Amino acid sequence: MEGKLTTLRGRRFYGVVVDGQYRACVAIRPEDYDDALPHPTWVIPGGKFARRKLAHWEQHRHLIGETILQMRERADFDASRYCIEYYRSQRELLLMAPVL
């Protein structure tokens, strides 16, 4: 996906599991429509989210799944929406669980 973008600078990257499949996502900018987009588009449902920060996530990838599972145990977890991984930088990942 990154190879199809003219630049990674200023981009927002996300990860979402939908029906058991991982979707790597990037926020689209107006200039991205100049050429045909190489992948299907989709909108991540918004709303209120609980967040946990995972620093140095590349060295702690094993914590991503277990942290999401812990967040899904919250009493206010909204199972009708998706948990989101927001890759703020190569050092910082925000794990987000939808809440009511």
N, C-alpha and C. Protein backbone atom coordinates (compact mmCIF):
# COMPACT_ATOMS: atom_id res chain seq x y z
N MET A 1 0.82 -1.18 0.00
CA MET A 1 0.00 0.00 0.00
C MET A 1 0.87 1.26 0.00
N GLU A 2 1.90 1.28 0.83
CA GLU A 2 2.77 2.46 0.91
C GLU A 2 3.44 2.76 -0.42
N GLY A 3 3.76 1.74 -1.19
CA GLY A 3 4.42 1.92 -2.46
C GLY A 3 3.57 2.65 -3.49
N LYS A 4 2.27 2.68 -3.31
CA LYS A 4 1.37 3.35 -4.24
C LYS A 4 1.19 4.83 -3.91
N LEU A 5 1.70 5.28 -2.75
CA LEU A 5 1.55 6.67 -2.35
C LEU A 5 2.74 7.49 -2.81
N THR A 6 2.48 8.74 -3.18
CA THR A 6 3.57 9.60 -3.63
C THR A 6 4.50 9.97 -2.48
N THR A 7 3.96 10.07 -1.26
CA THR A 7 4.76 10.35 -0.08
C THR A 7 4.07 9.78 1.16
N LEU A 8 4.86 9.43 2.16
CA LEU A 8 4.30 8.95 3.43
C LEU A 8 4.21 10.10 4.44
N ARG A 9 4.90 11.18 4.16
CA ARG A 9 4.95 12.32 5.08
C ARG A 9 3.54 12.89 5.31
N GLY A 10 3.17 13.04 6.56
CA GLY A 10 1.88 13.61 6.90
C GLY A 10 0.70 12.66 6.75
N ARG A 11 0.96 11.43 6.43
CA ARG A 11 -0.12 10.44 6.25
C ARG A 11 -0.58 9.88 7.58
N ARG A 12 -1.82 9.46 7.64
CA ARG A 12 -2.37 8.79 8.82
C ARG A 12 -2.68 7.36 8.45
N PHE A 13 -2.04 6.43 9.19
CA PHE A 13 -2.19 5.00 8.93
C PHE A 13 -2.97 4.32 10.05
N TYR A 14 -3.83 3.40 9.66
CA TYR A 14 -4.69 2.69 10.60
C TYR A 14 -4.69 1.20 10.28
N GLY A 15 -5.10 0.41 11.25
CA GLY A 15 -5.34 -1.00 11.06
C GLY A 15 -6.68 -1.33 11.71
N VAL A 16 -7.50 -2.12 11.02
CA VAL A 16 -8.81 -2.50 11.53
C VAL A 16 -9.07 -3.95 11.14
N VAL A 17 -9.62 -4.75 12.06
CA VAL A 17 -10.02 -6.12 11.73
C VAL A 17 -11.52 -6.11 11.45
N VAL A 18 -11.88 -6.54 10.24
CA VAL A 18 -13.27 -6.58 9.81
C VAL A 18 -13.59 -8.00 9.38
N ASP A 19 -14.55 -8.62 10.04
CA ASP A 19 -14.95 -10.00 9.72
C ASP A 19 -13.75 -10.94 9.67
N GLY A 20 -12.85 -10.79 10.64
CA GLY A 20 -11.69 -11.67 10.75
C GLY A 20 -10.54 -11.34 9.82
N GLN A 21 -10.68 -10.31 8.99
CA GLN A 21 -9.61 -9.93 8.07
C GLN A 21 -9.03 -8.57 8.47
N TYR A 22 -7.69 -8.49 8.47
CA TYR A 22 -7.01 -7.25 8.81
C TYR A 22 -7.02 -6.31 7.61
N ARG A 23 -7.41 -5.08 7.85
CA ARG A 23 -7.38 -4.06 6.79
C ARG A 23 -6.35 -3.01 7.15
N ALA A 24 -5.35 -2.86 6.31
CA ALA A 24 -4.40 -1.77 6.45
C ALA A 24 -5.03 -0.57 5.76
N CYS A 25 -5.09 0.55 6.45
CA CYS A 25 -5.80 1.72 5.93
C CYS A 25 -4.92 2.96 5.98
N VAL A 26 -5.17 3.87 5.07
CA VAL A 26 -4.50 5.17 5.06
C VAL A 26 -5.55 6.22 4.73
N ALA A 27 -5.50 7.34 5.45
CA ALA A 27 -6.44 8.43 5.19
C ALA A 27 -6.15 9.01 3.81
N ILE A 28 -7.20 9.24 3.07
CA ILE A 28 -7.08 9.76 1.70
C ILE A 28 -7.04 11.28 1.73
N ARG A 29 -6.19 11.84 0.90
CA ARG A 29 -6.11 13.29 0.73
C ARG A 29 -6.73 13.66 -0.60
N PRO A 30 -7.15 14.92 -0.75
CA PRO A 30 -7.75 15.33 -2.03
C PRO A 30 -6.87 15.04 -3.24
N GLU A 31 -5.55 15.22 -3.11
CA GLU A 31 -4.67 14.99 -4.26
C GLU A 31 -4.58 13.52 -4.65
N ASP A 32 -5.02 12.62 -3.77
CA ASP A 32 -4.99 11.19 -4.09
C ASP A 32 -5.97 10.83 -5.20
N TYR A 33 -6.95 11.69 -5.43
CA TYR A 33 -7.95 11.41 -6.46
C TYR A 33 -7.48 11.81 -7.85
N ASP A 34 -6.29 12.41 -7.95
CA ASP A 34 -5.78 12.81 -9.26
C ASP A 34 -5.61 11.60 -10.18
N ASP A 35 -5.20 10.48 -9.61
CA ASP A 35 -5.06 9.24 -10.37
C ASP A 35 -6.08 8.26 -9.80
N ALA A 36 -6.32 7.20 -10.53
CA ALA A 36 -7.23 6.17 -10.02
C ALA A 36 -6.61 5.55 -8.77
N LEU A 37 -7.39 5.44 -7.71
CA LEU A 37 -6.89 4.83 -6.49
C LEU A 37 -6.68 3.34 -6.72
N PRO A 38 -5.53 2.80 -6.28
CA PRO A 38 -5.21 1.41 -6.59
C PRO A 38 -5.92 0.39 -5.71
N HIS A 39 -6.56 0.85 -4.64
CA HIS A 39 -7.22 -0.07 -3.71
C HIS A 39 -8.64 0.41 -3.44
N PRO A 40 -9.50 -0.49 -2.97
CA PRO A 40 -10.86 -0.06 -2.62
C PRO A 40 -10.83 0.93 -1.46
N THR A 41 -11.82 1.81 -1.42
CA THR A 41 -11.91 2.76 -0.32
C THR A 41 -12.99 2.31 0.66
N TRP A 42 -12.86 2.81 1.88
CA TRP A 42 -13.76 2.43 2.96
C TRP A 42 -13.64 3.49 4.04
N VAL A 43 -14.71 3.74 4.77
CA VAL A 43 -14.69 4.72 5.85
C VAL A 43 -14.74 3.98 7.18
N ILE A 44 -13.78 4.26 8.05
CA ILE A 44 -13.79 3.67 9.39
C ILE A 44 -14.88 4.38 10.20
N PRO A 45 -15.82 3.62 10.77
CA PRO A 45 -16.88 4.26 11.56
C PRO A 45 -16.30 5.05 12.74
N GLY A 46 -16.82 6.23 12.95
CA GLY A 46 -16.34 7.09 14.02
C GLY A 46 -17.09 6.87 15.32
N GLY A 47 -16.94 7.80 16.23
CA GLY A 47 -17.62 7.74 17.51
C GLY A 47 -16.64 7.90 18.66
N LYS A 48 -17.09 7.52 19.83
CA LYS A 48 -16.29 7.65 21.04
C LYS A 48 -15.42 6.39 21.22
N PHE A 49 -14.15 6.61 21.61
CA PHE A 49 -13.21 5.50 21.77
C PHE A 49 -12.41 5.65 23.07
N ALA A 50 -12.14 4.53 23.71
CA ALA A 50 -11.15 4.47 24.78
C ALA A 50 -9.82 4.22 24.09
N ARG A 51 -8.73 4.81 24.62
CA ARG A 51 -7.44 4.69 23.95
C ARG A 51 -6.36 4.20 24.92
N ARG A 52 -5.44 3.44 24.36
CA ARG A 52 -4.23 3.05 25.10
C ARG A 52 -3.05 3.28 24.17
N LYS A 53 -2.01 3.90 24.69
CA LYS A 53 -0.82 4.19 23.91
C LYS A 53 0.17 3.05 24.07
N LEU A 54 0.75 2.63 22.96
CA LEU A 54 1.80 1.60 22.97
C LEU A 54 3.05 2.24 22.35
N ALA A 55 4.01 2.56 23.22
CA ALA A 55 5.26 3.16 22.76
C ALA A 55 6.18 2.08 22.19
N HIS A 56 6.98 2.47 21.23
CA HIS A 56 7.94 1.54 20.60
C HIS A 56 7.23 0.25 20.16
N TRP A 57 6.12 0.43 19.47
CA TRP A 57 5.25 -0.69 19.12
C TRP A 57 5.93 -1.74 18.25
N GLU A 58 6.89 -1.35 17.45
CA GLU A 58 7.55 -2.36 16.59
C GLU A 58 8.27 -3.41 17.43
N GLN A 59 8.77 -3.02 18.60
CA GLN A 59 9.42 -3.98 19.50
C GLN A 59 8.41 -4.69 20.40
N HIS A 60 7.15 -4.22 20.39
CA HIS A 60 6.13 -4.78 21.27
C HIS A 60 4.88 -5.23 20.51
N ARG A 61 5.07 -5.70 19.32
CA ARG A 61 3.92 -6.14 18.50
C ARG A 61 3.08 -7.20 19.21
N HIS A 62 3.74 -8.01 20.02
CA HIS A 62 3.04 -9.07 20.73
C HIS A 62 2.02 -8.52 21.73
N LEU A 63 2.12 -7.25 22.09
CA LEU A 63 1.19 -6.64 23.04
C LEU A 63 -0.06 -6.07 22.38
N ILE A 64 -0.05 -5.93 21.07
CA ILE A 64 -1.18 -5.31 20.38
C ILE A 64 -2.45 -6.12 20.58
N GLY A 65 -2.43 -7.38 20.24
CA GLY A 65 -3.62 -8.22 20.35
C GLY A 65 -4.12 -8.36 21.77
N GLU A 66 -3.22 -8.59 22.71
CA GLU A 66 -3.66 -8.78 24.10
C GLU A 66 -4.20 -7.47 24.69
N THR A 67 -3.66 -6.33 24.28
CA THR A 67 -4.19 -5.06 24.76
C THR A 67 -5.58 -4.81 24.22
N ILE A 68 -5.79 -5.10 22.95
CA ILE A 68 -7.13 -4.95 22.36
C ILE A 68 -8.11 -5.88 23.07
N LEU A 69 -7.72 -7.12 23.34
CA LEU A 69 -8.61 -8.05 24.04
C LEU A 69 -8.98 -7.52 25.42
N GLN A 70 -8.03 -6.94 26.13
CA GLN A 70 -8.32 -6.35 27.44
C GLN A 70 -9.30 -5.19 27.32
N MET A 71 -9.11 -4.37 26.30
CA MET A 71 -10.00 -3.23 26.11
C MET A 71 -11.42 -3.67 25.75
N ARG A 72 -11.54 -4.79 25.06
CA ARG A 72 -12.86 -5.31 24.69
C ARG A 72 -13.65 -5.82 25.90
N GLU A 73 -12.97 -6.00 27.03
CA GLU A 73 -13.63 -6.47 28.25
C GLU A 73 -14.27 -5.33 29.04
N ARG A 74 -14.08 -4.11 28.62
CA ARG A 74 -14.68 -2.96 29.31
C ARG A 74 -16.20 -3.10 29.33
N ALA A 75 -16.82 -2.66 30.40
CA ALA A 75 -18.28 -2.72 30.52
C ALA A 75 -18.97 -1.85 29.48
N ASP A 76 -18.31 -0.77 29.04
CA ASP A 76 -18.92 0.13 28.06
C ASP A 76 -18.46 -0.13 26.62
N PHE A 77 -17.83 -1.28 26.37
CA PHE A 77 -17.37 -1.61 25.02
C PHE A 77 -18.55 -1.70 24.07
N ASP A 78 -18.40 -1.10 22.90
CA ASP A 78 -19.44 -1.10 21.86
C ASP A 78 -19.07 -2.11 20.78
N ALA A 79 -19.65 -3.30 20.87
CA ALA A 79 -19.32 -4.39 19.94
C ALA A 79 -19.87 -4.16 18.53
N SER A 80 -20.67 -3.12 18.33
CA SER A 80 -21.22 -2.86 16.99
C SER A 80 -20.22 -2.12 16.09
N ARG A 81 -19.09 -1.65 16.68
CA ARG A 81 -18.07 -0.95 15.90
C ARG A 81 -16.73 -1.67 16.05
N TYR A 82 -15.74 -1.21 15.30
CA TYR A 82 -14.45 -1.89 15.24
C TYR A 82 -13.40 -1.25 16.14
N CYS A 83 -12.51 -2.07 16.64
CA CYS A 83 -11.31 -1.57 17.32
C CYS A 83 -10.35 -1.08 16.23
N ILE A 84 -9.58 -0.06 16.57
CA ILE A 84 -8.71 0.58 15.58
C ILE A 84 -7.29 0.69 16.12
N GLU A 85 -6.35 0.44 15.24
CA GLU A 85 -4.94 0.72 15.51
C GLU A 85 -4.61 1.99 14.74
N TYR A 86 -4.14 3.01 15.43
CA TYR A 86 -3.75 4.26 14.77
C TYR A 86 -2.26 4.43 14.94
N TYR A 87 -1.54 4.30 13.84
CA TYR A 87 -0.08 4.37 13.83
C TYR A 87 0.34 5.84 13.74
N ARG A 88 0.49 6.48 14.90
CA ARG A 88 0.85 7.92 14.93
C ARG A 88 2.25 8.16 14.40
N SER A 89 3.16 7.23 14.64
CA SER A 89 4.53 7.34 14.14
C SER A 89 5.16 5.96 14.22
N GLN A 90 6.42 5.86 13.84
CA GLN A 90 7.10 4.57 13.95
C GLN A 90 7.39 4.23 15.40
N ARG A 91 7.21 5.20 16.30
CA ARG A 91 7.45 4.96 17.73
C ARG A 91 6.16 4.81 18.53
N GLU A 92 5.04 5.34 18.02
CA GLU A 92 3.83 5.40 18.84
C GLU A 92 2.60 4.86 18.11
N LEU A 93 1.91 3.97 18.80
CA LEU A 93 0.67 3.38 18.28
C LEU A 93 -0.42 3.64 19.30
N LEU A 94 -1.58 4.10 18.83
CA LEU A 94 -2.74 4.25 19.69
C LEU A 94 -3.69 3.09 19.38
N LEU A 95 -4.05 2.35 20.41
CA LEU A 95 -5.04 1.28 20.28
C LEU A 95 -6.35 1.86 20.77
N MET A 96 -7.38 1.72 19.97
CA MET A 96 -8.66 2.37 20.25
C MET A 96 -9.79 1.36 20.24
N ALA A 97 -10.57 1.35 21.33
CA ALA A 97 -11.73 0.46 21.44
C ALA A 97 -12.98 1.32 21.51
N PRO A 98 -13.99 1.03 20.67
CA PRO A 98 -15.20 1.84 20.70
C PRO A 98 -15.97 1.64 22.01
N VAL A 99 -16.47 2.73 22.53
CA VAL A 99 -17.25 2.68 23.77
C VAL A 99 -18.57 3.39 23.57
N LEU A 100 -19.52 3.04 24.41
CA LEU A 100 -20.86 3.65 24.33
C LEU A 100 -20.87 5.04 24.92
